[in-house]
C-alpha atoms as a PDB file:
ATOM      1  CA  MET A   1      74.138 -44.518-227.106  1.00  0.00           C
ATOM      2  CA  ALA A   2      73.619 -41.020-225.831  1.00  0.00           C
ATOM      3  CA  GLY A   3      74.091 -38.083-228.149  1.00  0.00           C
ATOM      4  CA  THR A   4      77.007 -35.828-227.325  1.00  0.00           C
ATOM      5  CA  GLY A   5      75.234 -32.662-228.376  1.00  0.00           C
ATOM      6  CA  ASP A   6      78.369 -31.645-230.301  1.00  0.00           C
ATOM      7  CA  PHE A   7      77.557 -33.534-233.485  1.00  0.00           C
ATOM      8  CA  PRO A   8      76.350 -31.168-236.229  1.00  0.00           C
ATOM      9  CA  ILE A   9      72.901 -31.733-237.682  1.00  0.00           C
ATOM     10  CA  LEU A  10      72.537 -31.198-241.412  1.00  0.00           C
ATOM     11  CA  GLU A  11      69.035 -31.170-242.800  1.00  0.00           C
ATOM     12  CA  THR A  12      67.572 -30.643-246.248  1.00  0.00           C
ATOM     13  CA  SER A  13      64.129 -31.401-247.634  1.00  0.00           C
ATOM     14  CA  ARG A  14      65.324 -34.957-248.463  1.00  0.00           C
ATOM     15  CA  LEU A  15      68.081 -35.665-245.936  1.00  0.00           C
ATOM     16  CA  LEU A  16      68.639 -35.603-242.205  1.00  0.00           C
ATOM     17  CA  LEU A  17      72.244 -36.227-241.204  1.00  0.00           C
ATOM     18  CA  ARG A  18      72.696 -36.547-237.464  1.00  0.00           C
ATOM     19  CA  GLU A  19      74.590 -38.510-234.860  1.00  0.00           C
ATOM     20  CA  ILE A  20      73.575 -42.147-234.481  1.00  0.00           C
ATOM     21  CA  VAL A  21      71.798 -42.530-231.166  1.00  0.00           C
ATOM     22  CA  ALA A  22      70.428 -45.379-229.051  1.00  0.00           C
ATOM     23  CA  GLY A  23      67.488 -46.963-230.755  1.00  0.00           C
ATOM     24  CA  ASP A  24      68.832 -46.526-234.294  1.00  0.00           C
ATOM     25  CA  ALA A  25      69.777 -50.216-234.605  1.00  0.00           C
ATOM     26  CA  PRO A  26      66.513 -51.203-236.371  1.00  0.00           C
ATOM     27  CA  SER A  27      67.093 -48.473-238.971  1.00  0.00           C
ATOM     28  CA  LEU A  28      70.737 -49.519-239.382  1.00  0.00           C
ATOM     29  CA  PHE A  29      69.612 -53.109-239.839  1.00  0.00           C
ATOM     30  CA  ALA A  30      67.043 -52.090-242.471  1.00  0.00           C
ATOM     31  CA  VAL A  31      69.805 -50.614-244.633  1.00  0.00           C
ATOM     32  CA  TYR A  32      72.800 -52.805-243.770  1.00  0.00           C
ATOM     33  CA  SER A  33      70.909 -56.094-244.135  1.00  0.00           C
ATOM     34  CA  ASP A  34      69.813 -55.322-247.700  1.00  0.00           C
ATOM     35  CA  GLN A  35      71.983 -57.254-250.191  1.00  0.00           C
ATOM     36  CA  LYS A  36      71.175 -54.793-253.002  1.00  0.00           C
ATOM     37  CA  HIS A  37      72.475 -51.797-251.040  1.00  0.00           C
ATOM     38  CA  MET A  38      75.414 -53.561-249.432  1.00  0.00           C
ATOM     39  CA  GLN A  39      76.974 -54.517-252.768  1.00  0.00           C
ATOM     40  CA  TRP A  40      78.464 -50.984-252.804  1.00  0.00           C
ATOM     41  CA  TYR A  41      79.923 -51.149-249.275  1.00  0.00           C
ATOM     42  CA  GLY A  42      82.336 -54.028-249.827  1.00  0.00           C
ATOM     43  CA  ILE A  43      81.118 -55.900-246.734  1.00  0.00           C
ATOM     44  CA  GLU A  44      78.530 -58.594-246.174  1.00  0.00           C
ATOM     45  CA  PRO A  45      75.033 -57.543-245.121  1.00  0.00           C
ATOM     46  CA  PHE A  46      74.143 -57.722-241.437  1.00  0.00           C
ATOM     47  CA  PRO A  47      72.744 -61.185-240.706  1.00  0.00           C
ATOM     48  CA  ASP A  48      70.492 -60.031-237.859  1.00  0.00           C
ATOM     49  CA  LEU A  49      69.499 -57.156-235.599  1.00  0.00           C
ATOM     50  CA  ALA A  50      72.240 -58.111-233.113  1.00  0.00           C
ATOM     51  CA  ALA A  51      74.868 -57.154-235.720  1.00  0.00           C
ATOM     52  CA  ALA A  52      73.279 -53.707-236.071  1.00  0.00           C
ATOM     53  CA  GLU A  53      73.220 -53.310-232.287  1.00  0.00           C
ATOM     54  CA  ALA A  54      76.908 -54.262-232.121  1.00  0.00           C
ATOM     55  CA  THR A  55      77.701 -51.657-234.781  1.00  0.00           C
ATOM     56  CA  GLU A  56      75.758 -49.062-232.799  1.00  0.00           C
ATOM     57  CA  ARG A  57      77.961 -49.838-229.764  1.00  0.00           C
ATOM     58  CA  GLU A  58      81.146 -49.738-231.884  1.00  0.00           C
ATOM     59  CA  LEU A  59      80.207 -46.324-233.253  1.00  0.00           C
ATOM     60  CA  GLU A  60      79.569 -45.019-229.745  1.00  0.00           C
ATOM     61  CA  HIS A  61      83.009 -46.272-228.706  1.00  0.00           C
ATOM     62  CA  LEU A  62      84.592 -44.664-231.776  1.00  0.00           C
ATOM     63  CA  LEU A  63      82.945 -41.303-231.103  1.00  0.00           C
ATOM     64  CA  ARG A  64      84.156 -41.354-227.500  1.00  0.00           C
ATOM     65  CA  ARG A  65      87.712 -42.105-228.659  1.00  0.00           C
ATOM     66  CA  LEU A  66      87.591 -39.358-231.277  1.00  0.00           C
ATOM     67  CA  ALA A  67      86.429 -36.855-228.665  1.00  0.00           C
ATOM     68  CA  THR A  68      89.321 -37.609-226.304  1.00  0.00           C
ATOM     69  CA  HIS A  69      92.105 -39.058-228.447  1.00  0.00           C
ATOM     70  CA  PRO A  70      94.921 -36.654-229.396  1.00  0.00           C
ATOM     71  CA  HIS A  71      95.469 -38.479-232.690  1.00  0.00           C
ATOM     72  CA  ALA A  72      91.933 -38.986-233.994  1.00  0.00           C
ATOM     73  CA  VAL A  73      92.994 -40.509-237.318  1.00  0.00           C
ATOM     74  CA  ASN A  74      94.911 -43.242-235.515  1.00  0.00           C
ATOM     75  CA  ALA A  75      91.851 -43.931-233.358  1.00  0.00           C
ATOM     76  CA  VAL A  76      89.673 -44.276-236.444  1.00  0.00           C
ATOM     77  CA  LEU A  77      92.128 -46.627-238.132  1.00  0.00           C
ATOM     78  CA  GLN A  78      92.562 -48.750-234.999  1.00  0.00           C
ATOM     79  CA  THR A  79      88.816 -49.084-234.594  1.00  0.00           C
ATOM     80  CA  ALA A  80      88.298 -49.833-238.287  1.00  0.00           C
ATOM     81  CA  ARG A  81      90.949 -52.551-238.160  1.00  0.00           C
ATOM     82  CA  ALA A  82      89.360 -54.048-235.039  1.00  0.00           C
ATOM     83  CA  MET A  83      85.938 -54.030-236.689  1.00  0.00           C
ATOM     84  CA  ARG A  84      87.391 -55.700-239.763  1.00  0.00           C
ATOM     85  CA  ARG A  85      89.069 -58.417-237.673  1.00  0.00           C
ATOM     86  CA  ALA A  86      85.905 -58.949-235.650  1.00  0.00           C
ATOM     87  CA  ARG A  87      83.845 -59.498-238.778  1.00  0.00           C
ATOM     88  CA  ASP A  88      86.613 -61.280-240.686  1.00  0.00           C
ATOM     89  CA  VAL A  89      85.859 -59.208-243.756  1.00  0.00           C
ATOM     90  CA  GLU A  90      88.738 -59.446-246.181  1.00  0.00           C
ATOM     91  CA  THR A  91      87.420 -57.127-248.868  1.00  0.00           C
ATOM     92  CA  TRP A  92      87.032 -53.951-246.819  1.00  0.00           C
ATOM     93  CA  THR A  93      89.877 -51.468-246.430  1.00  0.00           C
ATOM     94  CA  PRO A  94      89.392 -48.115-244.704  1.00  0.00           C
ATOM     95  CA  ALA A  95      90.037 -45.166-247.011  1.00  0.00           C
ATOM     96  CA  ILE A  96      92.543 -42.610-245.822  1.00  0.00           C
END
């Protein structure tokens, strides 16, 4: 995933918030595979690194759609619904 350069970077002494870029899958897996942390997300933990890599690709696709789609909220909801169907997660509902 290549950074767009348009994503804002927010940094404090304890936090760096930036666009997810190629190579972040191991870090995503470290967080999203942890049962303790995932109890608050309402979805099952990632079973393997491949799931994190798939999420990385899905986020890249979402960011591209948001950048070009005239109705960004609809794009987000469509992608969220597709991700939910793909993972067959019944407990997760996107917040509006």
